[in-house]
């Protein structure tokens, strides 16, 4: 259980990051949609707190995706006026307020999916225009991997350790909290400016559609079957949808 809490998510994040560097941005974008952090976190919650706890958390995590879209949109606009050390806490506050507000809704799973998809589309459309020129930069690979792995371990370990006190609702709402995303946007902001943040988020927001399906299937399946079967079904659905989207995007090119 210690390995699941602190090692699985960081190792998956590191593998995906390395793959994106080896095979390019398209593969990296495809991999970014998978639940490398939320998946291990929800698995730990199911194994430690029970499938019913995990089902509620997965359903609440859908609202967390709406909050994540709100975080992305607010940070993109704030980055045009403020430095990252002011924009980041403000955008985090937007996430928490949005998550708390959405968490009070009692919508069925299908309606939550509709809200998430609508929120992702709206957030992408409301992103600021990419203006000006900038020179893209990337972190040194060792520092990049280390930061992402530490961020993943911190989120999974903290939420899993506090799950009993927070309950299934807040455990789920915090599952998509933008810790790894924070690393991406703040370094893009600091190194290449607000235009780089917008460009990154234009690819990031649509990729969350696959994670939306994963969470919805998991929330539906956990009360009806075993934990392993439920996670396998949710993962298979996410892989199928993301593969179709990847091939469709490739064929358009």
C-alpha atoms as a PDB file:
ATOM      1  CA  UNK A   1       0.000   0.000   0.000  1.00  0.00           C
ATOM      2  CA  UNK A   2       2.936   2.331   0.630  1.00  0.00           C
ATOM      3  CA  UNK A   3       4.102   1.668  -2.930  1.00  0.00           C
ATOM      4  CA  UNK A   4       0.649   2.452  -4.302  1.00  0.00           C
ATOM      5  CA  UNK A   5       0.510   5.683  -2.335  1.00  0.00           C
ATOM      6  CA  UNK A   6       3.922   7.092  -3.086  1.00  0.00           C
ATOM      7  CA  UNK A   7       5.467   5.204  -6.032  1.00  0.00           C
ATOM      8  CA  UNK A   8       2.864   4.182  -8.628  1.00  0.00           C
ATOM      9  CA  UNK A   9       1.708   7.655  -9.681  1.00  0.00           C
ATOM     10  CA  UNK A  10       5.235   9.173  -9.838  1.00  0.00           C
ATOM     11  CA  UNK A  11       6.526   6.240 -11.916  1.00  0.00           C
ATOM     12  CA  UNK A  12       3.613   6.506 -14.356  1.00  0.00           C
ATOM     13  CA  UNK A  13       4.109  10.255 -14.660  1.00  0.00           C
ATOM     14  CA  UNK A  14       7.843   9.792 -15.280  1.00  0.00           C
ATOM     15  CA  UNK A  15       7.228   7.140 -17.939  1.00  0.00           C
ATOM     16  CA  UNK A  16       4.717   9.362 -19.748  1.00  0.00           C
ATOM     17  CA  UNK A  17       7.053  12.355 -19.582  1.00  0.00           C
ATOM     18  CA  UNK A  18       9.954  10.360 -21.017  1.00  0.00           C
ATOM     19  CA  UNK A  19       7.749   8.961 -23.785  1.00  0.00           C
ATOM     20  CA  UNK A  20       6.638  12.445 -24.798  1.00  0.00           C
ATOM     21  CA  UNK A  21      10.258  13.586 -25.014  1.00  0.00           C
ATOM     22  CA  UNK A  22      11.248  10.547 -27.108  1.00  0.00           C
ATOM     23  CA  UNK A  23       8.253  10.371 -29.461  1.00  0.00           C
ATOM     24  CA  UNK A  24       7.203  14.010 -29.626  1.00  0.00           C
ATOM     25  CA  UNK A  25       4.411  16.352 -28.584  1.00  0.00           C
ATOM     26  CA  UNK A  26       1.608  14.386 -30.261  1.00  0.00           C
ATOM     27  CA  UNK A  27       2.331  11.248 -28.252  1.00  0.00           C
ATOM     28  CA  UNK A  28       2.910  13.394 -25.172  1.00  0.00           C
ATOM     29  CA  UNK A  29      -0.480  15.051 -25.604  1.00  0.00           C
ATOM     30  CA  UNK A  30      -2.120  11.659 -26.098  1.00  0.00           C
ATOM     31  CA  UNK A  31      -0.538  10.299 -22.917  1.00  0.00           C
ATOM     32  CA  UNK A  32      -1.376  13.402 -20.880  1.00  0.00           C
ATOM     33  CA  UNK A  33      -5.062  12.506 -21.022  1.00  0.00           C
ATOM     34  CA  UNK A  34      -4.666   9.328 -19.007  1.00  0.00           C
ATOM     35  CA  UNK A  35      -5.310   9.282 -15.235  1.00  0.00           C
ATOM     36  CA  UNK A  36      -1.721   8.787 -14.118  1.00  0.00           C
ATOM     37  CA  UNK A  37      -2.366  10.663 -10.859  1.00  0.00           C
ATOM     38  CA  UNK A  38      -6.124  10.506 -10.272  1.00  0.00           C
ATOM     39  CA  UNK A  39      -6.224   6.791 -11.158  1.00  0.00           C
ATOM     40  CA  UNK A  40      -3.695   5.629  -8.537  1.00  0.00           C
ATOM     41  CA  UNK A  41      -5.232   7.974  -5.979  1.00  0.00           C
ATOM     42  CA  UNK A  42      -8.728   6.574  -6.487  1.00  0.00           C
ATOM     43  CA  UNK A  43      -7.362   3.020  -6.432  1.00  0.00           C
ATOM     44  CA  UNK A  44      -5.760   3.663  -3.048  1.00  0.00           C
ATOM     45  CA  UNK A  45      -9.014   5.153  -1.762  1.00  0.00           C
ATOM     46  CA  UNK A  46     -10.953   2.079  -2.907  1.00  0.00           C
ATOM     47  CA  UNK A  47      -8.502  -0.373  -1.334  1.00  0.00           C
ATOM     48  CA  UNK A  48      -8.235   1.517   1.954  1.00  0.00           C
ATOM     49  CA  UNK A  49     -11.724   2.989   2.374  1.00  0.00           C
ATOM     50  CA  UNK A  50     -13.876   0.638   0.301  1.00  0.00           C
ATOM     51  CA  UNK A  51     -15.484   0.610  -3.140  1.00  0.00           C
ATOM     52  CA  UNK A  52     -18.449   2.737  -2.020  1.00  0.00           C
ATOM     53  CA  UNK A  53     -16.068   5.466  -0.823  1.00  0.00           C
ATOM     54  CA  UNK A  54     -14.176   5.272  -4.121  1.00  0.00           C
ATOM     55  CA  UNK A  55     -17.368   5.469  -6.183  1.00  0.00           C
ATOM     56  CA  UNK A  56     -18.441   8.693  -4.464  1.00  0.00           C
ATOM     57  CA  UNK A  57     -14.930  10.119  -4.832  1.00  0.00           C
ATOM     58  CA  UNK A  58     -14.815   9.292  -8.558  1.00  0.00           C
ATOM     59  CA  UNK A  59     -18.182  10.970  -9.071  1.00  0.00           C
ATOM     60  CA  UNK A  60     -17.056  14.073  -7.184  1.00  0.00           C
ATOM     61  CA  UNK A  61     -13.813  14.116  -9.166  1.00  0.00           C
ATOM     62  CA  UNK A  62     -15.912  14.940 -12.241  1.00  0.00           C
ATOM     63  CA  UNK A  63     -16.766  18.234 -10.554  1.00  0.00           C
ATOM     64  CA  UNK A  64     -13.053  18.606  -9.875  1.00  0.00           C
ATOM     65  CA  UNK A  65     -12.482  18.601 -13.639  1.00  0.00           C
ATOM     66  CA  UNK A  66     -14.821  21.572 -13.971  1.00  0.00           C
ATOM     67  CA  UNK A  67     -12.703  23.296 -11.323  1.00  0.00           C
ATOM     68  CA  UNK A  68      -9.550  22.316 -13.232  1.00  0.00           C
ATOM     69  CA  UNK A  69     -10.918  23.957 -16.383  1.00  0.00           C
ATOM     70  CA  UNK A  70     -11.693  27.069 -14.326  1.00  0.00           C
ATOM     71  CA  UNK A  71      -8.125  27.033 -12.980  1.00  0.00           C
ATOM     72  CA  UNK A  72      -6.690  26.798 -16.499  1.00  0.00           C
ATOM     73  CA  UNK A  73      -8.866  29.601 -17.852  1.00  0.00           C
ATOM     74  CA  UNK A  74      -8.200  31.945 -14.942  1.00  0.00           C
ATOM     75  CA  UNK A  75      -4.445  31.335 -14.981  1.00  0.00           C
ATOM     76  CA  UNK A  76      -4.249  31.964 -18.741  1.00  0.00           C
ATOM     77  CA  UNK A  77      -5.882  35.381 -18.338  1.00  0.00           C
ATOM     78  CA  UNK A  78      -4.054  36.324 -15.144  1.00  0.00           C
ATOM     79  CA  UNK A  79      -0.714  35.421 -16.728  1.00  0.00           C
ATOM     80  CA  UNK A  80      -1.157  38.270 -19.203  1.00  0.00           C
ATOM     81  CA  UNK A  81      -1.096  40.851 -16.382  1.00  0.00           C
ATOM     82  CA  UNK A  82       0.562  39.289 -13.363  1.00  0.00           C
ATOM     83  CA  UNK A  83       3.785  37.351 -12.686  1.00  0.00           C
ATOM     84  CA  UNK A  84       3.361  33.686 -11.876  1.00  0.00           C
ATOM     85  CA  UNK A  85       3.736  34.146  -8.097  1.00  0.00           C
ATOM     86  CA  UNK A  86       0.568  36.289  -8.081  1.00  0.00           C
ATOM     87  CA  UNK A  87      -1.350  34.415 -10.789  1.00  0.00           C
ATOM     88  CA  UNK A  88      -0.862  30.985  -9.225  1.00  0.00           C
ATOM     89  CA  UNK A  89      -2.486  31.463  -5.790  1.00  0.00           C
ATOM     90  CA  UNK A  90      -5.347  33.360  -7.422  1.00  0.00           C
ATOM     91  CA  UNK A  91      -5.948  30.503  -9.881  1.00  0.00           C
ATOM     92  CA  UNK A  92      -5.710  27.927  -7.082  1.00  0.00           C
ATOM     93  CA  UNK A  93      -8.381  29.888  -5.227  1.00  0.00           C
ATOM     94  CA  UNK A  94     -10.592  29.744  -8.317  1.00  0.00           C
ATOM     95  CA  UNK A  95     -10.169  25.954  -8.352  1.00  0.00           C
ATOM     96  CA  UNK A  96     -11.151  25.551  -4.692  1.00  0.00           C
ATOM     97  CA  UNK A  97     -14.166  27.859  -4.924  1.00  0.00           C
ATOM     98  CA  UNK A  98     -15.376  26.197  -8.121  1.00  0.00           C
ATOM     99  CA  UNK A  99     -14.885  22.706  -6.665  1.00  0.00           C
ATOM    100  CA  UNK A 100     -16.765  23.646  -3.486  1.00  0.00           C
ATOM    101  CA  UNK A 101     -19.624  25.194  -5.479  1.00  0.00           C
ATOM    102  CA  UNK A 102     -19.957  22.262  -7.892  1.00  0.00           C
ATOM    103  CA  UNK A 103     -19.621  19.746  -5.074  1.00  0.00           C
ATOM    104  CA  UNK A 104     -22.961  20.831  -3.659  1.00  0.00           C
ATOM    105  CA  UNK A 105     -24.764  19.791  -6.850  1.00  0.00           C
ATOM    106  CA  UNK A 106     -26.562  16.458  -6.797  1.00  0.00           C
ATOM    107  CA  UNK A 107     -26.497  15.674 -10.495  1.00  0.00           C
ATOM    108  CA  UNK A 108     -26.530  12.134 -11.917  1.00  0.00           C
ATOM    109  CA  UNK A 109     -23.357  10.864 -13.549  1.00  0.00           C
ATOM    110  CA  UNK A 110     -24.510  11.517 -17.123  1.00  0.00           C
ATOM    111  CA  UNK A 111     -25.365  15.114 -16.228  1.00  0.00           C
ATOM    112  CA  UNK A 112     -21.993  15.605 -14.569  1.00  0.00           C
ATOM    113  CA  UNK A 113     -20.324  14.392 -17.757  1.00  0.00           C
ATOM    114  CA  UNK A 114     -22.330  16.912 -19.766  1.00  0.00           C
ATOM    115  CA  UNK A 115     -21.296  19.704 -17.389  1.00  0.00           C
ATOM    116  CA  UNK A 116     -17.622  18.705 -17.659  1.00  0.00           C
ATOM    117  CA  UNK A 117     -17.635  18.499 -21.451  1.00  0.00           C
ATOM    118  CA  UNK A 118     -19.452  21.810 -21.672  1.00  0.00           C
ATOM    119  CA  UNK A 119     -16.993  23.384 -19.254  1.00  0.00           C
ATOM    120  CA  UNK A 120     -13.984  22.122 -21.225  1.00  0.00           C
ATOM    121  CA  UNK A 121     -15.357  23.455 -24.509  1.00  0.00           C
ATOM    122  CA  UNK A 122     -16.257  26.811 -22.977  1.00  0.00           C
ATOM    123  CA  UNK A 123     -12.909  27.189 -21.221  1.00  0.00           C
ATOM    124  CA  UNK A 124     -11.003  26.454 -24.431  1.00  0.00           C
ATOM    125  CA  UNK A 125     -13.048  29.004 -26.369  1.00  0.00           C
ATOM    126  CA  UNK A 126     -12.544  31.658 -23.695  1.00  0.00           C
ATOM    127  CA  UNK A 127      -8.766  31.285 -23.572  1.00  0.00           C
ATOM    128  CA  UNK A 128      -6.981  34.452 -24.651  1.00  0.00           C
ATOM    129  CA  UNK A 129      -5.587  34.680 -28.143  1.00  0.00           C
ATOM    130  CA  UNK A 130      -1.972  33.741 -28.678  1.00  0.00           C
ATOM    131  CA  UNK A 131      -0.352  37.056 -29.587  1.00  0.00           C
ATOM    132  CA  UNK A 132       3.246  37.982 -30.177  1.00  0.00           C
ATOM    133  CA  UNK A 133       6.172  35.672 -30.618  1.00  0.00           C
ATOM    134  CA  UNK A 134       7.979  33.623 -28.048  1.00  0.00           C
ATOM    135  CA  UNK A 135      10.767  31.117 -27.931  1.00  0.00           C
ATOM    136  CA  UNK A 136       9.660  27.825 -26.465  1.00  0.00           C
ATOM    137  CA  UNK A 137      11.881  26.470 -23.728  1.00  0.00           C
ATOM    138  CA  UNK A 138      11.824  23.323 -21.657  1.00  0.00           C
ATOM    139  CA  UNK A 139      13.205  22.346 -18.300  1.00  0.00           C
ATOM    140  CA  UNK A 140      16.266  20.112 -18.033  1.00  0.00           C
ATOM    141  CA  UNK A 141      14.959  16.555 -18.186  1.00  0.00           C
ATOM    142  CA  UNK A 142      16.149  15.551 -14.711  1.00  0.00           C
ATOM    143  CA  UNK A 143      14.570  18.596 -13.027  1.00  0.00           C
ATOM    144  CA  UNK A 144      11.378  18.199 -15.053  1.00  0.00           C
ATOM    145  CA  UNK A 145      10.963  14.537 -14.087  1.00  0.00           C
ATOM    146  CA  UNK A 146      11.829  15.186 -10.460  1.00  0.00           C
ATOM    147  CA  UNK A 147       9.286  17.989 -10.085  1.00  0.00           C
ATOM    148  CA  UNK A 148       6.522  15.994 -11.746  1.00  0.00           C
ATOM    149  CA  UNK A 149       7.214  12.886  -9.677  1.00  0.00           C
ATOM    150  CA  UNK A 150       7.331  14.814  -6.400  1.00  0.00           C
ATOM    151  CA  UNK A 151       4.097  16.621  -7.288  1.00  0.00           C
ATOM    152  CA  UNK A 152       2.319  13.347  -8.079  1.00  0.00           C
ATOM    153  CA  UNK A 153       3.542  11.687  -4.862  1.00  0.00           C
ATOM    154  CA  UNK A 154       2.541  14.746  -2.817  1.00  0.00           C
ATOM    155  CA  UNK A 155      -1.034  14.808  -4.114  1.00  0.00           C
ATOM    156  CA  UNK A 156      -1.675  11.061  -3.850  1.00  0.00           C
ATOM    157  CA  UNK A 157       0.019  10.730  -0.470  1.00  0.00           C
ATOM    158  CA  UNK A 158      -1.656  13.773   1.084  1.00  0.00           C
ATOM    159  CA  UNK A 159      -5.198  13.037  -0.082  1.00  0.00           C
ATOM    160  CA  UNK A 160      -4.957   9.308   0.634  1.00  0.00           C
ATOM    161  CA  UNK A 161      -3.592   9.932   4.135  1.00  0.00           C
ATOM    162  CA  UNK A 162      -6.339  12.469   4.906  1.00  0.00           C
ATOM    163  CA  UNK A 163      -9.189  10.693   3.138  1.00  0.00           C
ATOM    164  CA  UNK A 164     -10.942   9.481   6.279  1.00  0.00           C
ATOM    165  CA  UNK A 165     -10.944  12.993   7.744  1.00  0.00           C
ATOM    166  CA  UNK A 166     -11.951  14.738   4.495  1.00  0.00           C
ATOM    167  CA  UNK A 167     -14.564  12.187   3.468  1.00  0.00           C
ATOM    168  CA  UNK A 168     -15.277  10.905  -0.061  1.00  0.00           C
ATOM    169  CA  UNK A 169     -16.569  14.226  -1.405  1.00  0.00           C
ATOM    170  CA  UNK A 170     -13.475  16.351  -0.812  1.00  0.00           C
ATOM    171  CA  UNK A 171     -11.176  13.414  -1.550  1.00  0.00           C
ATOM    172  CA  UNK A 172     -12.749  13.274  -5.004  1.00  0.00           C
ATOM    173  CA  UNK A 173     -12.900  17.025  -5.525  1.00  0.00           C
ATOM    174  CA  UNK A 174      -9.167  17.286  -4.833  1.00  0.00           C
ATOM    175  CA  UNK A 175      -8.190  14.293  -6.997  1.00  0.00           C
ATOM    176  CA  UNK A 176      -7.728  16.467 -10.141  1.00  0.00           C
ATOM    177  CA  UNK A 177      -6.083  19.322  -8.186  1.00  0.00           C
ATOM    178  CA  UNK A 178      -3.591  20.985 -10.566  1.00  0.00           C
ATOM    179  CA  UNK A 179      -0.289  20.162  -8.910  1.00  0.00           C
ATOM    180  CA  UNK A 180       1.441  18.694 -11.981  1.00  0.00           C
ATOM    181  CA  UNK A 181      -0.374  21.216 -14.186  1.00  0.00           C
ATOM    182  CA  UNK A 182       0.978  23.981 -11.965  1.00  0.00           C
ATOM    183  CA  UNK A 183       4.522  22.929 -12.847  1.00  0.00           C
ATOM    184  CA  UNK A 184       3.724  23.102 -16.556  1.00  0.00           C
ATOM    185  CA  UNK A 185       2.001  26.492 -16.590  1.00  0.00           C
ATOM    186  CA  UNK A 186       4.284  28.307 -14.162  1.00  0.00           C
ATOM    187  CA  UNK A 187       7.474  27.259 -15.925  1.00  0.00           C
ATOM    188  CA  UNK A 188       5.949  28.055 -19.324  1.00  0.00           C
ATOM    189  CA  UNK A 189       4.913  31.434 -17.921  1.00  0.00           C
ATOM    190  CA  UNK A 190       8.279  32.216 -16.358  1.00  0.00           C
ATOM    191  CA  UNK A 191      10.361  31.039 -19.311  1.00  0.00           C
ATOM    192  CA  UNK A 192       8.280  31.945 -22.363  1.00  0.00           C
ATOM    193  CA  UNK A 193       5.502  34.293 -21.264  1.00  0.00           C
ATOM    194  CA  UNK A 194       1.709  34.288 -21.268  1.00  0.00           C
ATOM    195  CA  UNK A 195       1.471  33.209 -24.916  1.00  0.00           C
ATOM    196  CA  UNK A 196       3.193  29.929 -24.077  1.00  0.00           C
ATOM    197  CA  UNK A 197       0.680  29.289 -21.281  1.00  0.00           C
ATOM    198  CA  UNK A 198      -2.246  29.755 -23.641  1.00  0.00           C
ATOM    199  CA  UNK A 199      -0.700  27.515 -26.269  1.00  0.00           C
ATOM    200  CA  UNK A 200      -0.117  24.768 -23.690  1.00  0.00           C
ATOM    201  CA  UNK A 201      -3.650  24.968 -22.315  1.00  0.00           C
ATOM    202  CA  UNK A 202      -5.263  24.849 -25.761  1.00  0.00           C
ATOM    203  CA  UNK A 203      -3.916  21.313 -26.045  1.00  0.00           C
ATOM    204  CA  UNK A 204      -4.395  20.409 -22.393  1.00  0.00           C
ATOM    205  CA  UNK A 205      -8.118  21.134 -22.030  1.00  0.00           C
ATOM    206  CA  UNK A 206      -9.388  18.840 -24.844  1.00  0.00           C
ATOM    207  CA  UNK A 207      -7.193  16.026 -23.501  1.00  0.00           C
ATOM    208  CA  UNK A 208      -9.255  16.007 -20.289  1.00  0.00           C
ATOM    209  CA  UNK A 209     -12.175  14.418 -22.175  1.00  0.00           C
ATOM    210  CA  UNK A 210     -10.614  10.980 -21.784  1.00  0.00           C
ATOM    211  CA  UNK A 211     -10.139  11.489 -18.048  1.00  0.00           C
ATOM    212  CA  UNK A 212     -13.795  12.536 -17.844  1.00  0.00           C
ATOM    213  CA  UNK A 213     -14.877   9.216 -19.334  1.00  0.00           C
ATOM    214  CA  UNK A 214     -12.547   7.284 -17.024  1.00  0.00           C
ATOM    215  CA  UNK A 215     -14.066   8.904 -13.927  1.00  0.00           C
ATOM    216  CA  UNK A 216     -17.648   8.496 -15.135  1.00  0.00           C
ATOM    217  CA  UNK A 217     -17.227   4.787 -15.908  1.00  0.00           C
ATOM    218  CA  UNK A 218     -15.484   4.250 -12.587  1.00  0.00           C
ATOM    219  CA  UNK A 219     -18.237   6.012 -10.630  1.00  0.00           C
ATOM    220  CA  UNK A 220     -20.832   3.854 -12.390  1.00  0.00           C
ATOM    221  CA  UNK A 221     -18.962   0.535 -12.219  1.00  0.00           C
ATOM    222  CA  UNK A 222     -17.663   0.487  -8.637  1.00  0.00           C
ATOM    223  CA  UNK A 223     -21.087  -0.027  -6.995  1.00  0.00           C
ATOM    224  CA  UNK A 224     -21.807  -2.881  -9.455  1.00  0.00           C
ATOM    225  CA  UNK A 225     -18.580  -4.876  -9.514  1.00  0.00           C
ATOM    226  CA  UNK A 226     -15.179  -5.536  -8.021  1.00  0.00           C
ATOM    227  CA  UNK A 227     -12.507  -2.890  -7.805  1.00  0.00           C
ATOM    228  CA  UNK A 228     -10.163  -4.538 -10.319  1.00  0.00           C
ATOM    229  CA  UNK A 229     -12.927  -5.067 -12.877  1.00  0.00           C
ATOM    230  CA  UNK A 230     -14.142  -1.492 -12.473  1.00  0.00           C
ATOM    231  CA  UNK A 231     -10.696   0.031 -12.981  1.00  0.00           C
ATOM    232  CA  UNK A 232     -10.036  -2.236 -15.956  1.00  0.00           C
ATOM    233  CA  UNK A 233     -13.304  -1.214 -17.608  1.00  0.00           C
ATOM    234  CA  UNK A 234     -12.704   2.494 -16.961  1.00  0.00           C
ATOM    235  CA  UNK A 235      -9.143   2.328 -18.254  1.00  0.00           C
ATOM    236  CA  UNK A 236     -10.202   0.399 -21.346  1.00  0.00           C
ATOM    237  CA  UNK A 237     -12.881   2.964 -22.153  1.00  0.00           C
ATOM    238  CA  UNK A 238     -10.414   5.831 -21.783  1.00  0.00           C
ATOM    239  CA  UNK A 239      -7.806   4.097 -23.969  1.00  0.00           C
ATOM    240  CA  UNK A 240     -10.377   3.330 -26.676  1.00  0.00           C
ATOM    241  CA  UNK A 241     -11.731   6.865 -26.859  1.00  0.00           C
ATOM    242  CA  UNK A 242      -8.314   8.470 -26.745  1.00  0.00           C
ATOM    243  CA  UNK A 243      -6.971   6.119 -29.444  1.00  0.00           C
ATOM    244  CA  UNK A 244      -9.866   6.956 -31.756  1.00  0.00           C
ATOM    245  CA  UNK A 245      -9.319  10.669 -31.136  1.00  0.00           C
ATOM    246  CA  UNK A 246      -5.588  10.294 -31.764  1.00  0.00           C
ATOM    247  CA  UNK A 247      -6.099   8.455 -35.055  1.00  0.00           C
ATOM    248  CA  UNK A 248      -8.755  10.941 -36.147  1.00  0.00           C
ATOM    249  CA  UNK A 249      -6.413  13.837 -35.435  1.00  0.00           C
ATOM    250  CA  UNK A 250      -3.602  12.118 -37.314  1.00  0.00           C
ATOM    251  CA  UNK A 251      -5.780  11.465 -40.345  1.00  0.00           C
ATOM    252  CA  UNK A 252      -6.766  15.158 -40.496  1.00  0.00           C
ATOM    253  CA  UNK A 253      -3.099  16.119 -40.606  1.00  0.00           C
END
